[in-house]
């Protein structure tokens, strides 16, 4: 999957992909090359999920601050 495709994913989609990668990594029959490739792809999904969470957290903080300022 390309980075462009990952960047267009919603959080749930990316999280599910990350979970699938983790499940594959738990298998003991993978070659080191497969492990490395899956790990690299997993990092991309993890970073995308983190970006989304940080962005949404900032929105919630902004909303909360606006509400607190109105009181």
Protein backbone atom coordinates (compact mmCIF):
# COMPACT_ATOMS: atom_id res chain seq x y z
CA UNK A 1 0.00 0.00 0.00
CA UNK A 2 1.36 3.41 -0.90
CA UNK A 3 1.75 6.26 1.56
CA UNK A 4 -0.76 8.29 -0.46
CA UNK A 5 -3.37 5.55 0.02
CA UNK A 6 -2.62 5.38 3.74
CA UNK A 7 -2.93 9.16 4.12
CA UNK A 8 -6.45 8.99 2.65
CA UNK A 9 -7.61 6.35 5.13
CA UNK A 10 -9.92 7.04 8.01
CA UNK A 11 -8.70 6.13 11.47
CA UNK A 12 -10.69 2.89 11.77
CA UNK A 13 -9.42 1.61 8.40
CA UNK A 14 -5.79 2.34 9.24
CA UNK A 15 -6.16 0.88 12.73
CA UNK A 16 -7.64 -2.32 11.29
CA UNK A 17 -4.75 -2.61 8.84
CA UNK A 18 -2.29 -2.13 11.69
CA UNK A 19 -4.05 -4.83 13.70
CA UNK A 20 -3.85 -7.20 10.74
CA UNK A 21 -0.12 -6.56 10.43
CA UNK A 22 0.35 -7.24 14.13
CA UNK A 23 -1.54 -10.51 13.78
CA UNK A 24 0.73 -11.54 10.90
CA UNK A 25 3.85 -10.61 12.88
CA UNK A 26 2.75 -12.88 15.71
CA UNK A 27 3.08 -15.87 13.39
CA UNK A 28 6.32 -17.75 13.88
CA UNK A 29 6.67 -18.96 10.29
CA UNK A 30 7.65 -15.65 8.67
CA UNK A 31 11.01 -15.00 7.04
CA UNK A 32 13.05 -12.08 8.32
CA UNK A 33 12.42 -10.21 5.06
CA UNK A 34 8.66 -10.57 5.54
CA UNK A 35 8.93 -9.43 9.14
CA UNK A 36 10.92 -6.36 8.14
CA UNK A 37 8.50 -5.46 5.37
CA UNK A 38 5.47 -5.85 7.63
CA UNK A 39 7.17 -3.84 10.38
CA UNK A 40 7.91 -1.01 7.95
CA UNK A 41 4.33 -0.97 6.72
CA UNK A 42 3.03 -1.12 10.29
CA UNK A 43 5.04 1.96 11.23
CA UNK A 44 3.33 3.90 8.43
CA UNK A 45 -0.12 2.91 9.69
CA UNK A 46 0.86 3.70 13.29
CA UNK A 47 2.11 7.15 12.32
CA UNK A 48 -1.07 7.87 10.36
CA UNK A 49 -3.24 6.81 13.29
CA UNK A 50 -1.18 9.00 15.63
CA UNK A 51 -1.57 12.00 13.31
CA UNK A 52 -5.34 11.57 13.24
CA UNK A 53 -5.55 11.20 17.01
CA UNK A 54 -3.39 14.29 17.59
CA UNK A 55 -5.47 16.32 15.14
CA UNK A 56 -8.74 15.28 16.77
CA UNK A 57 -7.33 15.87 20.24
CA UNK A 58 -6.43 19.42 19.21
CA UNK A 59 -9.98 19.97 17.97
CA UNK A 60 -11.45 18.72 21.25
CA UNK A 61 -9.08 20.94 23.22
CA UNK A 62 -10.08 23.95 21.12
CA UNK A 63 -13.79 23.24 21.59
CA UNK A 64 -13.33 22.77 25.33
CA UNK A 65 -11.40 26.03 25.63
CA UNK A 66 -14.12 27.90 23.73
CA UNK A 67 -16.79 26.47 26.01
CA UNK A 68 -14.79 27.34 29.12
CA UNK A 69 -14.28 30.92 27.92
CA UNK A 70 -18.03 31.39 27.50
CA UNK A 71 -18.68 30.66 31.17
